[in-house]
């Protein structure tokens, strides 16, 4: 029985892989994100972690409010990472992810702002009209994107940059000889990198949130005679080992599940692309499998040749302008 994906180009494989990553990761990640928030709001330890999880499962429907926008944002980010040539991702994983996140932050901020509007009770069409068809809305979007861009670049660096940095160290030797091996290699890569990236993201997120919360609480303390005591109380409520441990556990659990699901489909796209190229190498179909980026700059490239990509790209556009 013919497989429809057997004739897909590299771009089609990466697009489907990125969209699938965004969809599946949010199916499992959104409820766990609600669980994480519930744990973070329980500063007095009123309920154990299983109790917060059961509460989340009982109100599962409301957890998916804004889910379409979240899928769009995660799918877009995953697809953008896949469209970076593997050679560039291997040569400069953190730089490639940071630049991609920063440059495409205006695109990624569209579903983010629609998601926030949906959570506040506004319908997607109404929010889109308000934000993108009025001067005030566009100014709000522009100022929000300016604040969002550095943070999104850092998030993509921690997530996708770390993934791409780890991949060469944990990738199985050789190449896949069948589609079943493609599946197995993608699964092993996702399981190996997902938890590590989750820990990196969780530590960074928890540290930044703790610092910002402490700063906010200290800023709210009055300058009266008992200011020192109030500061100590505010710090004690946030910098609490038990509270931090509970928050880290819930956040890391959510990140492990979501990242492993995301990375599986991303590695599946990468591994299948490589498998299809090698399979088609002797059949004259290699040019059909070239990506948009390769068609743009021309030539085969290896990690050693990555620094020359910029020169080739510059020459390409210079020749066109002449």
Protein backbone atom coordinates (compact mmCIF):
# COMPACT_ATOMS: atom_id res chain seq x y z
CA UNK A 1 0.00 0.00 0.00
CA UNK A 2 1.56 3.32 -1.07
CA UNK A 3 2.33 5.77 1.71
CA UNK A 4 1.31 9.37 0.88
CA UNK A 5 4.28 10.83 2.76
CA UNK A 6 6.74 8.91 0.57
CA UNK A 7 6.46 11.62 -2.09
CA UNK A 8 6.54 14.60 0.27
CA UNK A 9 9.32 17.15 -0.12
CA UNK A 10 11.56 18.11 2.80
CA UNK A 11 9.51 21.27 3.35
CA UNK A 12 6.27 19.28 3.56
CA UNK A 13 7.78 16.81 6.03
CA UNK A 14 9.06 19.63 8.25
CA UNK A 15 5.77 21.53 8.09
CA UNK A 16 3.74 18.47 9.11
CA UNK A 17 6.30 17.64 11.81
CA UNK A 18 6.15 21.14 13.28
CA UNK A 19 2.35 21.31 13.27
CA UNK A 20 2.10 17.85 14.82
CA UNK A 21 4.60 18.84 17.52
CA UNK A 22 2.55 21.92 18.38
CA UNK A 23 -0.72 19.98 18.49
CA UNK A 24 0.29 16.90 20.47
CA UNK A 25 2.50 18.78 22.94
CA UNK A 26 -0.41 21.04 23.86
CA UNK A 27 -2.89 18.19 24.14
CA UNK A 28 -0.76 16.78 26.96
CA UNK A 29 0.88 20.03 28.08
CA UNK A 30 -2.13 22.32 28.64
CA UNK A 31 -3.63 20.29 31.52
CA UNK A 32 -0.21 19.99 33.14
CA UNK A 33 0.29 23.73 32.77
CA UNK A 34 -2.98 24.31 34.63
CA UNK A 35 -1.71 21.87 37.28
CA UNK A 36 1.54 23.85 37.54
CA UNK A 37 -0.33 27.12 38.03
CA UNK A 38 -2.57 25.57 40.68
CA UNK A 39 0.48 24.37 42.63
CA UNK A 40 2.18 27.77 42.35
CA UNK A 41 -0.91 29.54 43.74
CA UNK A 42 -1.00 27.26 46.80
CA UNK A 43 1.61 29.03 48.91
CA UNK A 44 0.17 27.68 52.18
CA UNK A 45 0.28 24.01 51.07
CA UNK A 46 -3.48 23.56 51.44
CA UNK A 47 -3.49 20.51 49.16
CA UNK A 48 -0.90 17.88 48.21
CA UNK A 49 0.32 17.66 44.61
CA UNK A 50 -2.01 14.73 43.72
CA UNK A 51 -4.92 16.82 44.96
CA UNK A 52 -4.04 19.66 42.60
CA UNK A 53 -3.70 17.18 39.74
CA UNK A 54 -7.11 15.65 40.42
CA UNK A 55 -8.69 19.12 40.58
CA UNK A 56 -7.13 19.90 37.20
CA UNK A 57 -8.50 16.71 35.66
CA UNK A 58 -12.01 17.51 36.95
CA UNK A 59 -12.00 20.90 35.19
CA UNK A 60 -10.19 19.76 32.07
CA UNK A 61 -12.49 21.56 29.64
CA UNK A 62 -11.74 25.03 30.97
CA UNK A 63 -7.99 24.31 30.86
CA UNK A 64 -8.11 24.25 27.05
CA UNK A 65 -9.42 27.83 26.76
CA UNK A 66 -7.12 29.51 24.26
CA UNK A 67 -5.78 26.13 23.17
CA UNK A 68 -6.06 26.82 19.44
CA UNK A 69 -3.79 29.85 19.76
CA UNK A 70 -1.35 27.91 21.90
CA UNK A 71 -1.17 25.16 19.29
CA UNK A 72 -0.59 27.77 16.58
CA UNK A 73 2.23 29.38 18.53
CA UNK A 74 3.98 26.11 19.46
CA UNK A 75 3.48 24.69 15.98
CA UNK A 76 4.92 27.81 14.37
CA UNK A 77 7.95 27.84 16.68
CA UNK A 78 8.62 24.13 16.08
CA UNK A 79 8.28 24.53 12.31
CA UNK A 80 10.63 27.52 12.28
CA UNK A 81 13.25 25.49 14.13
CA UNK A 82 12.89 22.61 11.67
CA UNK A 83 13.33 24.96 8.71
CA UNK A 84 16.75 26.00 10.00
CA UNK A 85 19.17 23.78 8.01
CA UNK A 86 20.47 20.91 10.16
CA UNK A 87 24.03 22.03 9.46
CA UNK A 88 23.35 25.45 10.97
CA UNK A 89 21.57 23.93 13.96
CA UNK A 90 24.57 21.71 14.61
CA UNK A 91 27.17 24.41 13.97
CA UNK A 92 25.54 27.09 16.15
CA UNK A 93 22.49 25.68 17.95
CA UNK A 94 22.04 28.47 20.49
CA UNK A 95 22.74 31.31 18.08
CA UNK A 96 20.41 29.89 15.43
CA UNK A 97 17.56 29.47 17.92
CA UNK A 98 18.05 32.91 19.49
CA UNK A 99 18.10 34.70 16.14
CA UNK A 100 15.06 32.75 14.91
CA UNK A 101 13.08 33.54 18.06
CA UNK A 102 13.97 37.23 17.95
CA UNK A 103 13.42 37.76 14.22
CA UNK A 104 10.11 35.89 14.12
CA UNK A 105 8.77 37.21 17.43
CA UNK A 106 6.23 39.44 15.60
CA UNK A 107 4.77 36.28 14.03
CA UNK A 108 4.84 34.27 17.24
CA UNK A 109 3.26 37.09 19.23
CA UNK A 110 0.10 37.04 17.11
CA UNK A 111 -1.28 33.75 18.50
CA UNK A 112 0.04 34.67 21.95
CA UNK A 113 -1.98 37.88 22.08
CA UNK A 114 -5.04 36.11 20.67
CA UNK A 115 -4.66 33.47 23.39
CA UNK A 116 -4.56 36.13 26.13
CA UNK A 117 -7.66 37.77 24.67
CA UNK A 118 -9.46 34.42 24.56
CA UNK A 119 -8.61 33.73 28.20
CA UNK A 120 -10.11 37.12 29.05
CA UNK A 121 -13.37 36.10 27.39
CA UNK A 122 -12.93 37.73 23.97
CA UNK A 123 -13.56 35.74 20.79
CA UNK A 124 -10.69 35.22 18.36
CA UNK A 125 -12.29 37.20 15.46
CA UNK A 126 -13.13 40.13 17.73
CA UNK A 127 -9.63 40.16 19.20
CA UNK A 128 -8.05 40.00 15.74
CA UNK A 129 -10.14 42.93 14.53
CA UNK A 130 -9.37 44.97 17.63
CA UNK A 131 -5.63 44.32 17.48
CA UNK A 132 -4.87 44.39 13.77
CA UNK A 133 -7.40 46.72 12.15
CA UNK A 134 -7.13 49.74 14.43
CA UNK A 135 -4.31 52.14 15.14
CA UNK A 136 -4.59 51.67 18.89
CA UNK A 137 -4.57 47.91 18.51
CA UNK A 138 -1.49 47.95 16.29
CA UNK A 139 0.32 50.19 18.78
CA UNK A 140 -0.55 47.78 21.56
CA UNK A 141 0.67 44.87 19.45
CA UNK A 142 3.92 46.65 18.53
CA UNK A 143 4.77 47.64 22.11
CA UNK A 144 3.87 44.16 23.38
CA UNK A 145 6.04 42.53 20.70
CA UNK A 146 9.00 44.75 21.63
CA UNK A 147 8.78 43.41 25.18
CA UNK A 148 8.06 39.86 24.03
CA UNK A 149 10.94 39.48 21.52
CA UNK A 150 13.94 39.14 23.88
CA UNK A 151 12.09 36.72 26.14
CA UNK A 152 10.91 34.57 23.23
CA UNK A 153 14.43 34.49 21.80
CA UNK A 154 15.73 33.30 25.17
CA UNK A 155 12.96 30.69 25.49
CA UNK A 156 13.72 29.26 22.05
CA UNK A 157 17.42 29.22 22.93
CA UNK A 158 16.82 27.28 26.13
CA UNK A 159 14.39 24.87 24.49
CA UNK A 160 15.34 24.28 20.86
CA UNK A 161 18.93 25.47 21.23
CA UNK A 162 19.60 22.96 24.01
CA UNK A 163 17.82 20.24 22.01
CA UNK A 164 19.98 20.87 18.96
CA UNK A 165 23.11 21.07 21.10
CA UNK A 166 22.42 17.67 22.70
CA UNK A 167 21.24 15.87 19.56
CA UNK A 168 24.68 15.05 18.07
CA UNK A 169 25.79 13.49 21.37
CA UNK A 170 22.80 11.16 21.74
CA UNK A 171 21.91 10.40 18.12
CA UNK A 172 22.29 6.67 17.32
CA UNK A 173 25.19 5.78 15.08
CA UNK A 174 24.61 5.35 11.38
CA UNK A 175 21.35 6.12 9.64
CA UNK A 176 17.89 4.59 9.51
CA UNK A 177 17.40 1.72 7.06
CA UNK A 178 13.61 1.65 7.29
CA UNK A 179 10.67 3.77 8.40
CA UNK A 180 10.42 1.67 11.57
CA UNK A 181 14.00 2.62 12.41
CA UNK A 182 13.17 6.28 11.74
CA UNK A 183 10.40 6.02 14.34
CA UNK A 184 12.68 4.30 16.84
CA UNK A 185 15.53 6.78 16.40
CA UNK A 186 13.15 9.74 16.83
CA UNK A 187 11.70 8.21 20.00
CA UNK A 188 15.14 7.54 21.51
CA UNK A 189 16.31 11.08 20.73
CA UNK A 190 13.16 12.60 22.25
CA UNK A 191 13.44 10.51 25.42
CA UNK A 192 17.14 11.39 25.76
CA UNK A 193 16.82 15.14 25.22
CA UNK A 194 13.32 15.98 26.49
CA UNK A 195 13.97 15.56 30.24
CA UNK A 196 17.36 17.34 30.08
CA UNK A 197 15.87 20.34 28.30
CA UNK A 198 12.97 20.29 30.76
CA UNK A 199 15.34 20.62 33.71
CA UNK A 200 17.21 23.49 32.03
CA UNK A 201 13.97 25.33 31.24
CA UNK A 202 12.49 24.68 34.67
CA UNK A 203 15.53 25.96 36.55
CA UNK A 204 15.69 29.11 34.42
CA UNK A 205 11.94 29.74 34.67
CA UNK A 206 11.75 29.13 38.40
CA UNK A 207 14.74 31.37 39.06
CA UNK A 208 13.34 34.26 37.00
CA UNK A 209 9.85 33.92 38.49
CA UNK A 210 11.22 33.79 42.04
CA UNK A 211 13.33 36.90 41.50
CA UNK A 212 10.43 38.82 39.95
CA UNK A 213 8.04 37.75 42.73
CA UNK A 214 10.49 38.75 45.46
CA UNK A 215 11.04 42.09 43.74
CA UNK A 216 7.29 42.70 43.53
CA UNK A 217 6.68 41.79 47.16
CA UNK A 218 9.56 43.92 48.41
CA UNK A 219 8.32 46.82 46.33
CA UNK A 220 4.93 46.57 47.98
CA UNK A 221 6.38 46.77 51.50
CA UNK A 222 5.83 50.15 53.13
CA UNK A 223 8.69 52.18 54.48
CA UNK A 224 7.28 52.29 58.02
CA UNK A 225 9.05 51.36 61.23
CA UNK A 226 8.39 47.65 60.75
CA UNK A 227 9.61 47.58 57.15
CA UNK A 228 12.44 45.16 57.99
CA UNK A 229 10.04 42.67 59.57
CA UNK A 230 7.66 42.96 56.63
CA UNK A 231 10.50 42.34 54.20
CA UNK A 232 11.53 39.23 56.10
CA UNK A 233 7.95 37.98 56.05
CA UNK A 234 7.62 38.65 52.30
CA UNK A 235 10.87 36.84 51.55
CA UNK A 236 9.93 33.93 53.79
CA UNK A 237 6.65 33.46 51.92
CA UNK A 238 8.42 33.11 48.57
CA UNK A 239 11.93 31.79 49.26
CA UNK A 240 10.61 28.67 50.97
CA UNK A 241 12.43 25.41 50.12
CA UNK A 242 9.23 23.36 50.31
CA UNK A 243 7.31 25.80 48.13
CA UNK A 244 10.12 25.99 45.57
CA UNK A 245 10.42 22.20 45.50
CA UNK A 246 6.69 21.79 44.84
CA UNK A 247 6.76 24.42 42.09
CA UNK A 248 9.83 22.85 40.50
CA UNK A 249 8.29 19.37 40.58
CA UNK A 250 5.06 20.47 38.89
CA UNK A 251 6.85 22.67 36.35
CA UNK A 252 9.47 20.06 35.48
CA UNK A 253 6.80 17.36 35.10
CA UNK A 254 4.90 19.52 32.66
CA UNK A 255 8.06 20.37 30.70
CA UNK A 256 9.25 16.75 30.50
CA UNK A 257 5.96 15.53 29.06
CA UNK A 258 5.48 18.48 26.68
CA UNK A 259 9.09 18.57 25.48
CA UNK A 260 9.33 14.84 24.89
CA UNK A 261 6.14 14.93 22.79
CA UNK A 262 7.33 18.01 20.89
CA UNK A 263 10.81 16.68 20.22
CA UNK A 264 9.53 13.29 19.05
CA UNK A 265 7.73 14.83 16.07
CA UNK A 266 10.59 17.23 15.37
CA UNK A 267 13.18 14.45 15.38
CA UNK A 268 10.80 12.32 13.35
CA UNK A 269 10.78 15.02 10.64
CA UNK A 270 14.58 15.33 10.73
CA UNK A 271 15.22 11.60 10.68
CA UNK A 272 12.66 10.92 7.95
CA UNK A 273 14.11 13.71 5.79
CA UNK A 274 17.56 12.14 6.06
CA UNK A 275 16.19 8.66 5.43
CA UNK A 276 14.24 9.81 2.36
CA UNK A 277 17.26 11.59 0.91
CA UNK A 278 19.43 8.51 1.23
CA UNK A 279 16.66 6.30 -0.14
CA UNK A 280 16.17 8.56 -3.15
CA UNK A 281 19.86 9.30 -3.74
CA UNK A 282 20.14 6.83 -6.60
CA UNK A 283 16.73 7.44 -8.14
CA UNK A 284 17.22 10.95 -9.48
CA UNK A 285 14.82 12.50 -6.97
CA UNK A 286 17.34 14.27 -4.80
CA UNK A 287 16.64 17.73 -6.24
CA UNK A 288 12.93 17.23 -5.51
CA UNK A 289 13.85 16.84 -1.86
CA UNK A 290 15.93 19.99 -1.60
CA UNK A 291 14.62 22.51 0.90
CA UNK A 292 13.69 26.09 0.15
CA UNK A 293 16.88 27.25 1.90
CA UNK A 294 19.05 24.98 -0.23
CA UNK A 295 17.41 26.18 -3.40
CA UNK A 296 18.07 29.74 -2.26
CA UNK A 297 21.80 29.41 -1.61
CA UNK A 298 22.63 26.46 -3.86
CA UNK A 299 25.24 23.77 -3.43
CA UNK A 300 25.66 20.92 -0.98
CA UNK A 301 26.90 21.94 2.43
CA UNK A 302 28.44 20.19 5.39
CA UNK A 303 29.08 21.45 8.93
CA UNK A 304 32.57 22.47 7.85
CA UNK A 305 31.08 24.56 5.07
CA UNK A 306 28.49 26.38 7.14
CA UNK A 307 30.57 29.56 7.60
CA UNK A 308 30.58 29.93 3.79
CA UNK A 309 26.78 29.92 3.60
CA UNK A 310 26.55 33.64 4.26
CA UNK A 311 28.99 34.39 1.46
CA UNK A 312 27.07 32.19 -0.98
CA UNK A 313 23.78 33.78 0.01
CA UNK A 314 25.23 37.28 -0.40
CA UNK A 315 26.61 36.36 -3.86
CA UNK A 316 23.24 34.96 -4.88
CA UNK A 317 21.39 38.20 -4.14
CA UNK A 318 24.21 40.37 -5.56
CA UNK A 319 24.01 38.49 -8.87
CA UNK A 320 20.23 38.89 -8.96
CA UNK A 321 20.47 42.63 -8.39
CA UNK A 322 23.02 42.93 -11.18
